[in-house]
Amino acid sequence: MLKPYFITQKDDPKPLRLQVKRQVRFEETDALGIVWHGRYASYFEDARSALGDNYGIGYLDLYRNGIVAPIKKLHADYHRPLTYPEDFTVEAILHWSDAARINYEFIIRDSKGSIVTTGYSVQIMLDMENNLYMVSPPFYQEFCKRWKAGELK
């Protein structure tokens, strides 16, 4: 069992999940044919963007509501490499937070379902003048209300 990146409280709603399928492209590999470690952040981004868009909290949704959400922290644990032209999936898992932040966990699996990389990101919320929100803005509070009520699957 992998150690959890985020602590879950008993009253937290179930995390939201979404998977995207990818294939390693030649340009993502090094001279040895393995994916260069810096590419994994873009794989995480693929799944994070898809999950956000799926639930109406994608980057443009936030932006239209006066919110920017830069990455505060990004972490990856490499368990084994991906190689060209391997098929793989990236699962994004959105974890609940009472703070004005967005906590994503990521699991990359090869075509056999074996875990190759795990990681997480933390995004903070800023207004359009780059002021830090101390509590979630109304748009995100409404999303959280629907999530906690079980309206999001």
Protein backbone atom coordinates (compact mmCIF):
# COMPACT_ATOMS: atom_id res chain seq x y z
CA MET A 1 0.00 0.00 0.00
CA LEU A 2 1.29 3.43 -0.92
CA LYS A 3 1.40 6.08 1.78
CA PRO A 4 -1.42 8.63 1.24
CA TYR A 5 -0.36 12.13 0.26
CA PHE A 6 -3.37 13.83 1.85
CA ILE A 7 -5.06 13.11 5.17
CA THR A 8 -8.78 12.43 4.91
CA GLN A 9 -11.17 13.40 7.70
CA LYS A 10 -14.24 11.30 8.46
CA ASP A 11 -16.68 14.00 7.25
CA ASP A 12 -14.83 14.72 3.99
CA PRO A 13 -16.66 13.80 0.79
CA LYS A 14 -15.24 11.01 -1.31
CA PRO A 15 -12.41 12.17 -3.62
CA LEU A 16 -13.32 12.89 -7.25
CA ARG A 17 -11.43 10.80 -9.83
CA LEU A 18 -10.82 10.83 -13.55
CA GLN A 19 -8.45 8.88 -15.82
CA VAL A 20 -6.91 9.88 -19.13
CA LYS A 21 -5.20 7.53 -21.57
CA ARG A 22 -1.91 8.43 -23.20
CA GLN A 23 0.91 6.93 -25.20
CA VAL A 24 4.55 7.84 -24.72
CA ARG A 25 5.68 9.94 -27.67
CA PHE A 26 9.21 9.67 -29.04
CA GLU A 27 9.95 13.31 -28.23
CA GLU A 28 9.23 12.65 -24.52
CA THR A 29 12.09 10.18 -24.14
CA ASP A 30 15.80 10.48 -23.58
CA ALA A 31 18.59 8.73 -25.51
CA LEU A 32 17.87 5.50 -23.60
CA GLY A 33 14.23 5.47 -24.77
CA ILE A 34 12.78 6.15 -21.31
CA VAL A 35 10.55 9.08 -20.44
CA TRP A 36 12.58 12.02 -19.15
CA HIS A 37 11.58 12.73 -15.53
CA GLY A 38 10.49 16.30 -16.30
CA ARG A 39 7.70 15.04 -18.59
CA TYR A 40 5.72 13.54 -15.73
CA ALA A 41 4.55 16.99 -14.63
CA SER A 42 2.84 17.42 -18.02
CA TYR A 43 1.22 13.98 -17.65
CA PHE A 44 -0.14 15.10 -14.29
CA GLU A 45 -1.37 18.28 -15.99
CA ASP A 46 -3.26 16.29 -18.63
CA ALA A 47 -5.28 14.50 -15.95
CA ARG A 48 -5.66 17.57 -13.71
CA SER A 49 -7.04 19.63 -16.60
CA ALA A 50 -9.42 16.86 -17.69
CA LEU A 51 -10.78 16.41 -14.17
CA GLY A 52 -11.21 20.17 -13.67
CA ASP A 53 -13.00 20.54 -17.00
CA ASN A 54 -15.21 17.53 -16.24
CA TYR A 55 -16.44 19.05 -12.97
CA GLY A 56 -16.63 22.70 -14.04
CA ILE A 57 -13.54 23.87 -12.13
CA GLY A 58 -11.04 23.88 -14.98
CA TYR A 59 -8.57 26.72 -15.44
CA LEU A 60 -10.92 28.72 -17.68
CA ASP A 61 -13.86 28.16 -15.31
CA LEU A 62 -11.80 29.54 -12.44
CA TYR A 63 -10.51 32.43 -14.57
CA ARG A 64 -14.02 33.42 -15.69
CA ASN A 65 -14.87 33.64 -11.98
CA GLY A 66 -11.91 35.86 -11.10
CA ILE A 67 -9.69 33.09 -9.75
CA VAL A 68 -6.20 32.03 -10.77
CA ALA A 69 -4.80 28.85 -9.26
CA PRO A 70 -1.03 28.55 -9.61
CA ILE A 71 0.84 25.45 -8.48
CA LYS A 72 2.28 25.93 -4.98
CA LYS A 73 3.77 22.46 -4.66
CA LEU A 74 4.47 19.59 -7.08
CA HIS A 75 5.86 16.22 -6.07
CA ALA A 76 6.54 12.96 -7.94
CA ASP A 77 7.64 9.52 -6.80
CA TYR A 78 9.11 7.42 -9.61
CA HIS A 79 8.58 3.68 -9.16
CA ARG A 80 9.63 2.50 -12.61
CA PRO A 81 10.13 4.21 -15.97
CA LEU A 82 7.80 4.46 -18.92
CA THR A 83 9.31 3.75 -22.34
CA TYR A 84 8.52 4.63 -25.95
CA PRO A 85 5.83 3.83 -27.31
CA GLU A 86 4.16 2.51 -24.15
CA ASP A 87 0.45 3.07 -23.47
CA PHE A 88 -0.43 4.34 -19.99
CA THR A 89 -3.14 6.00 -17.93
CA VAL A 90 -2.96 8.97 -15.60
CA GLU A 91 -5.51 9.13 -12.82
CA ALA A 92 -6.18 12.46 -11.15
CA ILE A 93 -7.78 12.36 -7.72
CA LEU A 94 -9.16 15.58 -6.24
CA HIS A 95 -9.04 15.53 -2.44
CA TRP A 96 -11.27 17.62 -0.21
CA SER A 97 -9.81 20.64 1.56
CA ASP A 98 -11.48 23.17 3.83
CA ALA A 99 -8.74 25.65 2.89
CA ALA A 100 -8.60 27.83 -0.23
CA ARG A 101 -6.45 25.30 -2.05
CA ILE A 102 -6.84 22.48 -4.54
CA ASN A 103 -5.20 19.14 -3.67
CA TYR A 104 -4.64 16.68 -6.51
CA GLU A 105 -3.08 13.22 -6.29
CA PHE A 106 -1.87 11.39 -9.40
CA ILE A 107 -1.31 7.74 -10.24
CA ILE A 108 0.30 6.73 -13.53
CA ARG A 109 -0.17 3.09 -14.53
CA ASP A 110 1.28 1.17 -17.44
CA SER A 111 -0.90 -0.84 -19.84
CA LYS A 112 -0.82 -3.81 -17.43
CA GLY A 113 -2.15 -1.66 -14.59
CA SER A 114 1.11 -1.55 -12.63
CA ILE A 115 1.86 1.73 -10.87
CA VAL A 116 4.87 3.47 -12.42
CA THR A 117 4.66 6.96 -10.92
CA THR A 118 2.67 8.68 -8.18
CA GLY A 119 2.59 12.27 -7.10
CA TYR A 120 0.58 15.25 -6.04
CA SER A 121 0.11 18.96 -6.58
CA VAL A 122 -1.25 21.74 -4.41
CA GLN A 123 -2.73 24.85 -6.00
CA ILE A 124 -3.51 28.05 -4.17
CA MET A 125 -6.23 30.50 -5.13
CA LEU A 126 -5.52 34.11 -6.02
CA ASP A 127 -7.74 36.91 -7.22
CA MET A 128 -6.99 38.71 -10.49
CA GLU A 129 -4.57 41.08 -8.71
CA ASN A 130 -2.63 38.08 -7.32
CA ASN A 131 -3.95 38.50 -3.79
CA LEU A 132 -4.18 35.24 -1.87
CA TYR A 133 -7.67 34.07 -0.96
CA MET A 134 -7.76 33.20 2.74
CA VAL A 135 -11.09 31.39 2.30
CA SER A 136 -12.39 29.82 -0.88
CA PRO A 137 -14.10 32.31 -3.21
CA PRO A 138 -17.88 31.97 -3.71
CA PHE A 139 -17.57 30.10 -7.05
CA TYR A 140 -15.40 27.39 -5.47
CA GLN A 141 -17.54 27.32 -2.32
CA GLU A 142 -20.56 26.50 -4.49
CA PHE A 143 -18.63 23.69 -6.17
CA CYS A 144 -17.63 22.31 -2.73
CA LYS A 145 -21.23 22.54 -1.53
CA ARG A 146 -22.38 20.37 -4.47
CA TRP A 147 -19.46 17.97 -3.91
CA LYS A 148 -20.23 17.56 -0.20
CA ALA A 149 -23.95 17.04 -1.00
CA GLY A 150 -23.00 14.09 -3.23
CA GLU A 151 -24.16 15.78 -6.44
CA LEU A 152 -20.84 15.16 -8.21
CA LYS A 153 -19.90 11.68 -9.38
